[in-house]
Amino acid sequence: MNLKPSTSKKTKYILWLKKAIKNPSNYIYFILGIPFLYALFWVLQPGGDLSPPFILVPTLTVIIYAYFTRNKLASAILGLALFSLTMFYLDFLYAVLNYSNNIFMFLTWNRIISSILDMLPFSIIHLIIGASVASRKKEYLLIAAIMVLLLVFIVRGID
């Protein structure tokens, strides 16, 4: 009679997740998937309005991802693409959930470029945060902390 500990399955899944995150071929899934999940939660939020603390969730996502993976390039790309991809996904999800006749109307170049330009300051701040945290040096972590404070002041000023 063989007894197996009950934590072996949980440990197996956690180890698989760590391995999947550190695998460079899986970075694209995280870079495209995290903004989609964020946009999906935003759309399903009652009223569709998000409070300033919830807007800081992507910042925490970039920080955790950068610290865990130590990959400066993937963290910087995630920080750069996070808000732009979220806005892109939001347009599509709103069109699908509202049964719009012109689902692909949001694919005009004017809307795509204006969405990217609207989110550019947030994207640059997240790019710096992701690249700084991934290096794990004290001076770069200080830069990341200053950028997070700047982001908090920007978000609090918006509301």
Protein backbone atom coordinates (compact mmCIF):
# COMPACT_ATOMS: atom_id res chain seq x y z
CA MET A 1 0.00 0.00 0.00
CA ASN A 2 1.61 3.23 -1.19
CA LEU A 3 0.64 6.48 0.42
CA LYS A 4 1.23 9.72 -1.46
CA PRO A 5 1.28 13.08 0.25
CA SER A 6 -1.65 15.33 -0.65
CA THR A 7 0.59 18.28 -1.47
CA SER A 8 2.36 16.51 -4.32
CA LYS A 9 -0.23 17.60 -6.91
CA LYS A 10 -0.17 21.19 -5.71
CA THR A 11 3.62 21.21 -5.72
CA LYS A 12 3.64 19.68 -9.19
CA TYR A 13 1.39 22.43 -10.56
CA ILE A 14 3.38 25.20 -8.87
CA LEU A 15 6.62 23.83 -10.25
CA TRP A 16 5.03 23.53 -13.70
CA LEU A 17 3.87 27.17 -13.51
CA LYS A 18 7.33 28.37 -12.47
CA LYS A 19 8.88 26.40 -15.30
CA ALA A 20 6.33 27.75 -17.80
CA ILE A 21 6.94 31.34 -16.76
CA LYS A 22 10.71 31.01 -17.06
CA ASN A 23 10.50 29.37 -20.49
CA PRO A 24 11.21 32.08 -23.10
CA SER A 25 8.77 30.58 -25.59
CA ASN A 26 5.91 31.20 -23.13
CA TYR A 27 6.58 34.93 -22.64
CA ILE A 28 4.33 35.82 -25.55
CA TYR A 29 1.40 34.10 -23.86
CA PHE A 30 1.88 36.18 -20.72
CA ILE A 31 2.39 39.41 -22.67
CA LEU A 32 -0.81 38.86 -24.65
CA GLY A 33 -2.81 37.08 -21.95
CA ILE A 34 -2.38 39.37 -18.95
CA PRO A 35 -3.83 42.44 -20.73
CA PHE A 36 -6.71 40.30 -22.01
CA LEU A 37 -7.56 39.10 -18.51
CA TYR A 38 -7.31 42.65 -17.21
CA ALA A 39 -9.62 43.92 -19.98
CA LEU A 40 -12.06 41.08 -19.40
CA PHE A 41 -12.26 41.88 -15.70
CA TRP A 42 -12.68 45.56 -16.53
CA VAL A 43 -15.57 44.84 -18.90
CA LEU A 44 -17.29 42.50 -16.43
CA GLN A 45 -16.94 45.06 -13.62
CA PRO A 46 -20.41 46.44 -12.74
CA GLY A 47 -20.68 49.89 -14.30
CA GLY A 48 -17.36 49.44 -16.10
CA ASP A 49 -15.66 52.03 -13.89
CA LEU A 50 -12.50 51.21 -12.08
CA SER A 51 -11.23 52.87 -8.95
CA PRO A 52 -7.65 54.21 -8.81
CA PRO A 53 -6.41 51.34 -6.59
CA PHE A 54 -7.57 48.85 -9.22
CA ILE A 55 -5.72 50.77 -11.92
CA LEU A 56 -2.53 49.99 -9.98
CA VAL A 57 -3.10 46.23 -10.40
CA PRO A 58 -1.24 46.20 -13.75
CA THR A 59 1.68 47.90 -12.04
CA LEU A 60 1.81 45.14 -9.46
CA THR A 61 1.53 42.59 -12.26
CA VAL A 62 4.54 44.06 -14.04
CA ILE A 63 6.53 44.24 -10.80
CA ILE A 64 5.78 40.63 -9.83
CA TYR A 65 6.45 39.35 -13.35
CA ALA A 66 9.74 41.25 -13.63
CA TYR A 67 10.94 40.22 -10.20
CA PHE A 68 10.08 36.57 -10.70
CA THR A 69 11.42 36.09 -14.22
CA ARG A 70 14.42 38.49 -14.14
CA ASN A 71 13.97 38.92 -17.88
CA LYS A 72 14.44 42.61 -18.64
CA LEU A 73 13.26 42.43 -22.24
CA ALA A 74 10.03 40.51 -21.56
CA SER A 75 9.26 42.68 -18.54
CA ALA A 76 9.83 45.86 -20.52
CA ILE A 77 7.66 44.59 -23.39
CA LEU A 78 4.91 43.61 -20.93
CA GLY A 79 5.07 47.06 -19.34
CA LEU A 80 5.00 48.77 -22.72
CA ALA A 81 2.16 46.71 -24.15
CA LEU A 82 0.01 46.35 -21.05
CA PHE A 83 -2.23 49.40 -21.32
CA SER A 84 -2.28 49.61 -25.11
CA LEU A 85 -3.30 45.97 -25.48
CA THR A 86 -5.81 46.34 -22.67
CA MET A 87 -7.50 49.24 -24.47
CA PHE A 88 -7.43 47.27 -27.74
CA TYR A 89 -9.05 44.27 -26.05
CA LEU A 90 -11.57 46.53 -24.28
CA ASP A 91 -12.91 47.90 -27.56
CA PHE A 92 -13.36 44.40 -28.92
CA LEU A 93 -14.96 43.02 -25.74
CA TYR A 94 -17.36 45.96 -25.48
CA ALA A 95 -18.39 45.41 -29.11
CA VAL A 96 -18.93 41.69 -28.55
CA LEU A 97 -20.81 42.08 -25.26
CA ASN A 98 -23.02 44.88 -26.61
CA TYR A 99 -23.86 42.88 -29.75
CA SER A 100 -22.55 45.62 -31.99
CA ASN A 101 -23.09 45.23 -35.73
CA ASN A 102 -19.67 46.68 -36.44
CA ILE A 103 -17.46 44.49 -34.29
CA PHE A 104 -14.39 45.25 -36.36
CA MET A 105 -15.01 49.00 -36.51
CA PHE A 106 -12.43 49.46 -33.76
CA LEU A 107 -9.70 48.22 -36.11
CA THR A 108 -9.39 51.55 -37.91
CA TRP A 109 -5.92 53.02 -37.80
CA ASN A 110 -7.22 56.21 -36.25
CA ARG A 111 -8.65 54.37 -33.24
CA ILE A 112 -5.59 52.17 -32.82
CA ILE A 113 -3.14 55.07 -32.95
CA SER A 114 -5.22 57.28 -30.67
CA SER A 115 -5.51 54.42 -28.17
CA ILE A 116 -1.75 53.90 -28.20
CA LEU A 117 -1.03 57.61 -27.84
CA ASP A 118 -3.51 57.98 -24.97
CA MET A 119 -1.78 55.21 -23.03
CA LEU A 120 1.81 56.15 -23.97
CA PRO A 121 2.73 57.87 -20.66
CA PHE A 122 1.47 54.88 -18.67
CA SER A 123 3.23 52.48 -21.04
CA ILE A 124 6.58 54.27 -20.71
CA ILE A 125 6.31 54.35 -16.92
CA HIS A 126 5.52 50.63 -16.86
CA LEU A 127 8.38 49.91 -19.27
CA ILE A 128 10.81 51.62 -16.88
CA ILE A 129 9.32 49.83 -13.87
CA GLY A 130 9.54 46.42 -15.55
CA ALA A 131 13.12 46.86 -16.74
CA SER A 132 14.23 48.30 -13.37
CA VAL A 133 12.69 45.60 -11.21
CA ALA A 134 14.03 42.82 -13.44
CA SER A 135 17.62 43.93 -12.79
CA ARG A 136 17.14 43.60 -8.98
CA LYS A 137 19.82 46.17 -8.15
CA LYS A 138 19.19 48.63 -5.35
CA GLU A 139 19.54 51.76 -7.48
CA TYR A 140 17.18 50.39 -10.13
CA LEU A 141 14.67 49.30 -7.50
CA LEU A 142 14.77 52.87 -6.19
CA ILE A 143 14.03 54.16 -9.69
CA ALA A 144 11.12 51.71 -9.92
CA ALA A 145 9.77 52.86 -6.56
CA ILE A 146 9.94 56.50 -7.68
CA MET A 147 8.10 55.62 -10.90
CA VAL A 148 5.40 53.78 -8.92
CA LEU A 149 4.95 56.87 -6.74
CA LEU A 150 4.74 59.03 -9.87
CA LEU A 151 2.10 56.68 -11.25
CA VAL A 152 0.14 56.85 -7.99
CA PHE A 153 0.15 60.65 -8.14
CA ILE A 154 -0.95 60.60 -11.79
CA VAL A 155 -3.78 58.16 -11.09
CA ARG A 156 -4.95 60.06 -8.01
CA GLY A 157 -4.94 63.25 -10.06
CA ILE A 158 -7.16 61.64 -12.71
CA ASP A 159 -9.88 60.79 -10.22
